[in-house]
Amino acid sequence: MKQIEIWTDGACSGNPGPGGWAAVLTYEGHTKEISGGEENTTNQRMEIAAVMNALESLKEPCDVTIYSDSAYVINCFKQKWYVSWQKNGWKNSKGQPVQNRDLWERLLDARNSHHIQFEKVKGHAGVDLNERCDELAREAIPR
């Protein structure tokens, strides 16, 4: 399998408000940047959208390391929140509907054909590709 690194970030101007997402995919010295935005969204939706769109852009099963500064995204997978959500009919630990279910379901589907490792990075800490994603996500915010 191809070894892919994916760096992701989401941004929002107001929360909710217009937002953008971005991902930088790297493979054997090649880099691909993708981004997009929505008129009315939240920062958490943009964080999920970045990972989801990056995985959906892969054309074949890959061995992927995803780097994100979003504790929401990272903890969902490292702590396997999604397992409880699915088992409990998409209710969180407080018995309330899971926010952003539509995107979580797409992300879970997108990850099924890949071997994925999630890694937390500190945001705004000078990590080059994380900073690049932040810049792209902010540029993708609809004006």
N, C-alpha and C. Protein backbone atom coordinates (compact mmCIF):
# COMPACT_ATOMS: atom_id res chain seq x y z
N MET A 1 0.84 -1.19 0.00
CA MET A 1 0.00 0.00 0.00
C MET A 1 0.88 1.25 0.00
N LYS A 2 0.39 2.27 -0.67
CA LYS A 2 1.08 3.56 -0.65
C LYS A 2 1.02 4.16 0.74
N GLN A 3 2.14 4.77 1.15
CA GLN A 3 2.23 5.44 2.44
C GLN A 3 1.92 6.93 2.23
N ILE A 4 0.80 7.39 2.73
CA ILE A 4 0.35 8.76 2.52
C ILE A 4 0.32 9.49 3.87
N GLU A 5 0.78 10.72 3.87
CA GLU A 5 0.59 11.60 5.04
C GLU A 5 -0.46 12.63 4.65
N ILE A 6 -1.41 12.86 5.56
CA ILE A 6 -2.45 13.86 5.33
C ILE A 6 -2.45 14.81 6.52
N TRP A 7 -2.29 16.08 6.23
CA TRP A 7 -2.35 17.15 7.23
C TRP A 7 -3.66 17.88 6.99
N THR A 8 -4.42 18.16 8.06
CA THR A 8 -5.73 18.78 7.88
C THR A 8 -5.95 19.92 8.86
N ASP A 9 -6.86 20.82 8.48
CA ASP A 9 -7.28 21.88 9.38
C ASP A 9 -8.61 22.44 8.92
N GLY A 10 -9.33 23.03 9.86
CA GLY A 10 -10.57 23.72 9.58
C GLY A 10 -10.53 25.10 10.21
N ALA A 11 -11.30 26.01 9.66
CA ALA A 11 -11.34 27.38 10.18
C ALA A 11 -12.75 27.92 10.03
N CYS A 12 -13.10 28.84 10.89
CA CYS A 12 -14.41 29.45 10.83
C CYS A 12 -14.30 30.92 11.20
N SER A 13 -15.06 31.77 10.51
CA SER A 13 -15.13 33.18 10.83
C SER A 13 -16.45 33.40 11.54
N GLY A 14 -16.41 33.33 12.85
CA GLY A 14 -17.62 33.22 13.65
C GLY A 14 -17.87 31.73 13.82
N ASN A 15 -18.58 31.36 14.84
CA ASN A 15 -18.81 29.94 15.07
C ASN A 15 -20.20 29.76 15.68
N PRO A 16 -21.26 29.63 14.86
CA PRO A 16 -21.20 29.38 13.42
C PRO A 16 -20.96 30.64 12.60
N GLY A 17 -20.63 30.36 11.35
CA GLY A 17 -20.36 31.41 10.38
C GLY A 17 -19.75 30.78 9.14
N PRO A 18 -19.24 31.59 8.24
CA PRO A 18 -18.57 31.02 7.07
C PRO A 18 -17.29 30.30 7.50
N GLY A 19 -17.02 29.16 6.84
CA GLY A 19 -15.85 28.39 7.24
C GLY A 19 -15.15 27.76 6.07
N GLY A 20 -13.93 27.31 6.33
CA GLY A 20 -13.13 26.65 5.31
C GLY A 20 -12.41 25.45 5.90
N TRP A 21 -12.06 24.53 5.03
CA TRP A 21 -11.29 23.35 5.41
C TRP A 21 -10.16 23.18 4.41
N ALA A 22 -9.12 22.48 4.82
CA ALA A 22 -7.99 22.23 3.91
C ALA A 22 -7.27 20.96 4.32
N ALA A 23 -6.61 20.37 3.33
CA ALA A 23 -5.76 19.21 3.57
C ALA A 23 -4.57 19.27 2.63
N VAL A 24 -3.45 18.83 3.15
CA VAL A 24 -2.24 18.67 2.35
C VAL A 24 -1.89 17.19 2.39
N LEU A 25 -1.86 16.57 1.22
CA LEU A 25 -1.53 15.15 1.11
C LEU A 25 -0.13 15.03 0.55
N THR A 26 0.70 14.18 1.16
CA THR A 26 2.06 13.98 0.66
C THR A 26 2.29 12.49 0.40
N TYR A 27 3.02 12.23 -0.70
CA TYR A 27 3.37 10.86 -1.08
C TYR A 27 4.66 10.90 -1.88
N GLU A 28 5.70 10.26 -1.36
CA GLU A 28 6.99 10.13 -2.04
C GLU A 28 7.45 11.46 -2.65
N GLY A 29 7.44 12.51 -1.86
CA GLY A 29 7.93 13.80 -2.31
C GLY A 29 6.94 14.64 -3.10
N HIS A 30 5.77 14.09 -3.39
CA HIS A 30 4.73 14.83 -4.10
C HIS A 30 3.74 15.39 -3.08
N THR A 31 3.21 16.57 -3.39
CA THR A 31 2.26 17.23 -2.50
C THR A 31 1.03 17.64 -3.28
N LYS A 32 -0.14 17.40 -2.68
CA LYS A 32 -1.41 17.83 -3.26
C LYS A 32 -2.15 18.61 -2.19
N GLU A 33 -2.65 19.79 -2.54
CA GLU A 33 -3.41 20.62 -1.61
C GLU A 33 -4.86 20.67 -2.08
N ILE A 34 -5.78 20.46 -1.14
CA ILE A 34 -7.20 20.58 -1.45
C ILE A 34 -7.86 21.44 -0.37
N SER A 35 -8.92 22.12 -0.74
CA SER A 35 -9.62 22.96 0.23
C SER A 35 -11.02 23.26 -0.28
N GLY A 36 -11.85 23.75 0.63
CA GLY A 36 -13.20 24.13 0.28
C GLY A 36 -13.81 24.91 1.42
N GLY A 37 -15.01 25.41 1.21
CA GLY A 37 -15.64 26.20 2.24
C GLY A 37 -17.15 26.12 2.18
N GLU A 38 -17.77 26.63 3.23
CA GLU A 38 -19.23 26.68 3.33
C GLU A 38 -19.63 28.03 3.90
N GLU A 39 -20.80 28.48 3.49
CA GLU A 39 -21.31 29.79 3.92
C GLU A 39 -21.66 29.83 5.41
N ASN A 40 -22.31 28.77 5.91
CA ASN A 40 -22.77 28.76 7.29
C ASN A 40 -22.43 27.41 7.91
N THR A 41 -21.44 27.39 8.79
CA THR A 41 -20.93 26.14 9.32
C THR A 41 -20.31 26.38 10.69
N THR A 42 -19.63 25.37 11.21
CA THR A 42 -18.90 25.50 12.47
C THR A 42 -17.47 25.04 12.28
N ASN A 43 -16.63 25.41 13.21
CA ASN A 43 -15.24 24.99 13.14
C ASN A 43 -15.13 23.46 13.19
N GLN A 44 -15.93 22.83 14.05
CA GLN A 44 -15.86 21.37 14.15
C GLN A 44 -16.25 20.70 12.84
N ARG A 45 -17.27 21.22 12.17
CA ARG A 45 -17.66 20.64 10.87
C ARG A 45 -16.52 20.78 9.87
N MET A 46 -15.83 21.89 9.90
CA MET A 46 -14.74 22.08 8.95
C MET A 46 -13.55 21.17 9.26
N GLU A 47 -13.31 20.90 10.54
CA GLU A 47 -12.24 19.97 10.92
C GLU A 47 -12.54 18.56 10.39
N ILE A 48 -13.80 18.12 10.55
CA ILE A 48 -14.20 16.80 10.06
C ILE A 48 -14.16 16.78 8.53
N ALA A 49 -14.67 17.86 7.91
CA ALA A 49 -14.71 17.92 6.44
C ALA A 49 -13.32 17.82 5.83
N ALA A 50 -12.33 18.38 6.49
CA ALA A 50 -10.96 18.33 5.97
C ALA A 50 -10.48 16.88 5.87
N VAL A 51 -10.68 16.12 6.93
CA VAL A 51 -10.25 14.72 6.93
C VAL A 51 -11.07 13.90 5.94
N MET A 52 -12.38 14.09 5.97
CA MET A 52 -13.29 13.36 5.10
C MET A 52 -12.96 13.58 3.63
N ASN A 53 -12.80 14.85 3.24
CA ASN A 53 -12.51 15.15 1.83
C ASN A 53 -11.15 14.63 1.41
N ALA A 54 -10.18 14.67 2.31
CA ALA A 54 -8.86 14.14 1.98
C ALA A 54 -8.94 12.64 1.72
N LEU A 55 -9.60 11.91 2.60
CA LEU A 55 -9.73 10.46 2.40
C LEU A 55 -10.53 10.14 1.15
N GLU A 56 -11.60 10.89 0.90
CA GLU A 56 -12.42 10.64 -0.29
C GLU A 56 -11.66 10.93 -1.57
N SER A 57 -10.59 11.72 -1.49
CA SER A 57 -9.81 12.03 -2.70
C SER A 57 -8.83 10.92 -3.08
N LEU A 58 -8.58 9.98 -2.17
CA LEU A 58 -7.65 8.88 -2.46
C LEU A 58 -8.31 7.91 -3.44
N LYS A 59 -7.55 7.48 -4.44
CA LYS A 59 -8.10 6.64 -5.50
C LYS A 59 -7.95 5.15 -5.26
N GLU A 60 -7.18 4.77 -4.24
CA GLU A 60 -6.98 3.36 -3.94
C GLU A 60 -6.70 3.21 -2.44
N PRO A 61 -6.83 2.00 -1.90
CA PRO A 61 -6.53 1.80 -0.48
C PRO A 61 -5.08 2.19 -0.17
N CYS A 62 -4.90 2.91 0.93
CA CYS A 62 -3.57 3.40 1.31
C CYS A 62 -3.33 3.21 2.80
N ASP A 63 -2.07 3.26 3.16
CA ASP A 63 -1.65 3.31 4.56
C ASP A 63 -1.49 4.80 4.86
N VAL A 64 -2.35 5.35 5.72
CA VAL A 64 -2.46 6.79 5.89
C VAL A 64 -2.15 7.20 7.33
N THR A 65 -1.37 8.25 7.47
CA THR A 65 -1.22 8.92 8.75
C THR A 65 -1.87 10.28 8.61
N ILE A 66 -2.84 10.55 9.47
CA ILE A 66 -3.55 11.83 9.45
C ILE A 66 -3.08 12.66 10.63
N TYR A 67 -2.64 13.87 10.33
CA TYR A 67 -2.20 14.82 11.35
C TYR A 67 -3.25 15.92 11.45
N SER A 68 -3.72 16.18 12.66
CA SER A 68 -4.74 17.21 12.87
C SER A 68 -4.49 17.88 14.21
N ASP A 69 -4.85 19.16 14.29
CA ASP A 69 -4.78 19.86 15.57
C ASP A 69 -6.15 19.85 16.27
N SER A 70 -7.10 19.09 15.73
CA SER A 70 -8.44 19.02 16.28
C SER A 70 -8.55 17.87 17.29
N ALA A 71 -8.68 18.20 18.57
CA ALA A 71 -8.88 17.17 19.58
C ALA A 71 -10.18 16.42 19.31
N TYR A 72 -11.19 17.12 18.78
CA TYR A 72 -12.49 16.52 18.46
C TYR A 72 -12.31 15.35 17.49
N VAL A 73 -11.58 15.57 16.42
CA VAL A 73 -11.36 14.53 15.41
C VAL A 73 -10.45 13.43 15.96
N ILE A 74 -9.33 13.82 16.53
CA ILE A 74 -8.36 12.84 17.01
C ILE A 74 -8.97 11.96 18.10
N ASN A 75 -9.63 12.57 19.08
CA ASN A 75 -10.20 11.79 20.18
C ASN A 75 -11.30 10.85 19.71
N CYS A 76 -12.05 11.27 18.70
CA CYS A 76 -13.10 10.40 18.18
C CYS A 76 -12.52 9.05 17.77
N PHE A 77 -11.35 9.07 17.14
CA PHE A 77 -10.76 7.83 16.65
C PHE A 77 -9.85 7.17 17.68
N LYS A 78 -9.05 7.93 18.37
CA LYS A 78 -8.15 7.33 19.37
C LYS A 78 -8.93 6.74 20.54
N GLN A 79 -10.03 7.38 20.91
CA GLN A 79 -10.84 6.89 22.03
C GLN A 79 -12.07 6.11 21.55
N LYS A 80 -12.17 5.95 20.25
CA LYS A 80 -13.24 5.16 19.62
C LYS A 80 -14.65 5.61 20.01
N TRP A 81 -14.84 6.92 20.06
CA TRP A 81 -16.17 7.46 20.36
C TRP A 81 -17.21 6.93 19.38
N TYR A 82 -16.81 6.83 18.11
CA TYR A 82 -17.74 6.42 17.05
C TYR A 82 -18.35 5.04 17.32
N VAL A 83 -17.63 4.16 18.00
CA VAL A 83 -18.16 2.83 18.31
C VAL A 83 -19.37 2.97 19.24
N SER A 84 -19.24 3.77 20.29
CA SER A 84 -20.36 4.00 21.21
C SER A 84 -21.50 4.73 20.52
N TRP A 85 -21.15 5.71 19.70
CA TRP A 85 -22.19 6.46 19.00
C TRP A 85 -23.05 5.52 18.16
N GLN A 86 -22.39 4.66 17.39
CA GLN A 86 -23.13 3.75 16.52
C GLN A 86 -23.96 2.76 17.35
N LYS A 87 -23.35 2.22 18.40
CA LYS A 87 -24.03 1.25 19.26
C LYS A 87 -25.25 1.87 19.93
N ASN A 88 -25.16 3.17 20.27
CA ASN A 88 -26.23 3.87 20.97
C ASN A 88 -27.16 4.64 20.05
N GLY A 89 -27.19 4.26 18.76
CA GLY A 89 -28.10 4.93 17.83
C GLY A 89 -27.74 6.37 17.56
N TRP A 90 -26.44 6.65 17.51
CA TRP A 90 -25.91 7.99 17.25
C TRP A 90 -26.33 8.98 18.34
N LYS A 91 -26.26 8.50 19.58
CA LYS A 91 -26.44 9.37 20.76
C LYS A 91 -25.10 9.43 21.48
N ASN A 92 -24.78 10.60 22.04
CA ASN A 92 -23.53 10.75 22.77
C ASN A 92 -23.69 10.24 24.20
N SER A 93 -22.66 10.41 25.00
CA SER A 93 -22.67 9.89 26.38
C SER A 93 -23.73 10.56 27.24
N LYS A 94 -24.23 11.71 26.82
CA LYS A 94 -25.30 12.41 27.55
C LYS A 94 -26.69 12.05 27.01
N GLY A 95 -26.73 11.12 26.04
CA GLY A 95 -28.01 10.71 25.47
C GLY A 95 -28.55 11.65 24.42
N GLN A 96 -27.73 12.63 24.01
CA GLN A 96 -28.15 13.60 23.00
C GLN A 96 -27.65 13.16 21.62
N PRO A 97 -28.34 13.61 20.56
CA PRO A 97 -27.87 13.26 19.21
C PRO A 97 -26.43 13.77 18.99
N VAL A 98 -25.63 12.93 18.34
CA VAL A 98 -24.25 13.31 18.02
C VAL A 98 -24.28 14.44 17.00
N GLN A 99 -23.57 15.50 17.31
CA GLN A 99 -23.48 16.61 16.36
C GLN A 99 -22.65 16.18 15.16
N ASN A 100 -23.01 16.69 14.00
CA ASN A 100 -22.28 16.46 12.75
C ASN A 100 -22.33 15.01 12.29
N ARG A 101 -23.40 14.31 12.65
CA ARG A 101 -23.53 12.90 12.29
C ARG A 101 -23.34 12.67 10.79
N ASP A 102 -23.90 13.55 9.97
CA ASP A 102 -23.79 13.37 8.52
C ASP A 102 -22.33 13.29 8.07
N LEU A 103 -21.50 14.18 8.61
CA LEU A 103 -20.09 14.17 8.24
C LEU A 103 -19.35 12.99 8.87
N TRP A 104 -19.65 12.67 10.12
CA TRP A 104 -19.01 11.52 10.76
C TRP A 104 -19.29 10.25 9.97
N GLU A 105 -20.53 10.06 9.52
CA GLU A 105 -20.87 8.85 8.76
C GLU A 105 -20.09 8.80 7.44
N ARG A 106 -19.98 9.93 6.76
CA ARG A 106 -19.19 9.96 5.52
C ARG A 106 -17.72 9.67 5.81
N LEU A 107 -17.20 10.25 6.89
CA LEU A 107 -15.81 10.03 7.25
C LEU A 107 -15.57 8.56 7.61
N LEU A 108 -16.46 7.96 8.36
CA LEU A 108 -16.32 6.55 8.71
C LEU A 108 -16.34 5.67 7.46
N ASP A 109 -17.22 5.99 6.51
CA ASP A 109 -17.25 5.25 5.24
C ASP A 109 -15.95 5.44 4.47
N ALA A 110 -15.45 6.66 4.44
CA ALA A 110 -14.24 6.96 3.66
C ALA A 110 -13.01 6.25 4.23
N ARG A 111 -13.00 6.01 5.52
CA ARG A 111 -11.81 5.40 6.12
C ARG A 111 -11.80 3.88 6.00
N ASN A 112 -12.94 3.28 5.65
CA ASN A 112 -13.05 1.82 5.63
C ASN A 112 -12.04 1.11 4.73
N SER A 113 -11.65 1.70 3.63
CA SER A 113 -10.76 1.00 2.71
C SER A 113 -9.28 1.31 2.95
N HIS A 114 -8.98 2.03 4.01
CA HIS A 114 -7.59 2.42 4.29
C HIS A 114 -7.16 1.95 5.68
N HIS A 115 -5.86 1.84 5.85
CA HIS A 115 -5.29 1.63 7.18
C HIS A 115 -4.89 3.01 7.66
N ILE A 116 -5.48 3.48 8.77
CA ILE A 116 -5.29 4.88 9.17
C ILE A 116 -4.78 4.97 10.60
N GLN A 117 -3.82 5.86 10.77
CA GLN A 117 -3.32 6.22 12.10
C GLN A 117 -3.57 7.72 12.26
N PHE A 118 -4.10 8.12 13.41
CA PHE A 118 -4.38 9.52 13.69
C PHE A 118 -3.34 10.06 14.66
N GLU A 119 -2.81 11.24 14.36
CA GLU A 119 -1.81 11.87 15.21
C GLU A 119 -2.21 13.31 15.51
N LYS A 120 -2.17 13.67 16.76
CA LYS A 120 -2.49 15.05 17.19
C LYS A 120 -1.24 15.91 17.05
N VAL A 121 -1.41 17.09 16.47
CA VAL A 121 -0.33 18.08 16.42
C VAL A 121 -0.84 19.34 17.11
N LYS A 122 0.07 20.08 17.66
CA LYS A 122 -0.30 21.34 18.30
C LYS A 122 -0.50 22.40 17.21
N GLY A 123 -1.65 23.05 17.25
CA GLY A 123 -1.94 24.10 16.28
C GLY A 123 -1.14 25.36 16.55
N HIS A 124 -0.84 26.08 15.50
CA HIS A 124 -0.16 27.38 15.59
C HIS A 124 1.16 27.27 16.36
N ALA A 125 1.87 26.17 16.10
CA ALA A 125 3.13 25.93 16.81
C ALA A 125 4.31 25.85 15.85
N GLY A 126 4.13 26.36 14.63
CA GLY A 126 5.23 26.38 13.68
C GLY A 126 5.47 25.09 12.92
N VAL A 127 4.54 24.13 12.99
CA VAL A 127 4.66 22.89 12.21
C VAL A 127 4.26 23.23 10.78
N ASP A 128 5.21 23.15 9.86
CA ASP A 128 5.04 23.68 8.50
C ASP A 128 3.74 23.26 7.81
N LEU A 129 3.47 21.96 7.70
CA LEU A 129 2.29 21.55 6.95
C LEU A 129 0.99 21.84 7.71
N ASN A 130 1.03 21.87 9.03
CA ASN A 130 -0.13 22.28 9.80
C ASN A 130 -0.40 23.76 9.56
N GLU A 131 0.64 24.56 9.55
CA GLU A 131 0.49 26.00 9.27
C GLU A 131 -0.03 26.23 7.85
N ARG A 132 0.44 25.43 6.89
CA ARG A 132 -0.03 25.55 5.51
C ARG A 132 -1.52 25.22 5.42
N CYS A 133 -1.95 24.18 6.13
CA CYS A 133 -3.38 23.84 6.14
C CYS A 133 -4.21 24.96 6.74
N ASP A 134 -3.71 25.54 7.80
CA ASP A 134 -4.41 26.65 8.43
C ASP A 134 -4.57 27.81 7.44
N GLU A 135 -3.51 28.11 6.72
CA GLU A 135 -3.56 29.19 5.73
C GLU A 135 -4.56 28.87 4.62
N LEU A 136 -4.52 27.64 4.10
CA LEU A 136 -5.45 27.25 3.04
C LEU A 136 -6.90 27.25 3.52
N ALA A 137 -7.13 26.79 4.74
CA ALA A 137 -8.49 26.76 5.29
C ALA A 137 -9.04 28.18 5.44
N ARG A 138 -8.19 29.09 5.94
CA ARG A 138 -8.64 30.47 6.08
C ARG A 138 -8.92 31.11 4.71
N GLU A 139 -8.08 30.78 3.73
CA GLU A 139 -8.30 31.32 2.37
C GLU A 139 -9.58 30.76 1.74
N ALA A 140 -10.01 29.57 2.16
CA ALA A 140 -11.20 28.93 1.58
C ALA A 140 -12.51 29.45 2.19
N ILE A 141 -12.43 30.24 3.24
CA ILE A 141 -13.65 30.78 3.86
C ILE A 141 -14.34 31.71 2.88
N PRO A 142 -15.63 31.43 2.56
CA PRO A 142 -16.35 32.32 1.65
C PRO A 142 -16.44 33.73 2.23
N ARG A 143 -16.22 34.70 1.39
CA ARG A 143 -16.25 36.11 1.82
C ARG A 143 -17.53 36.77 1.37
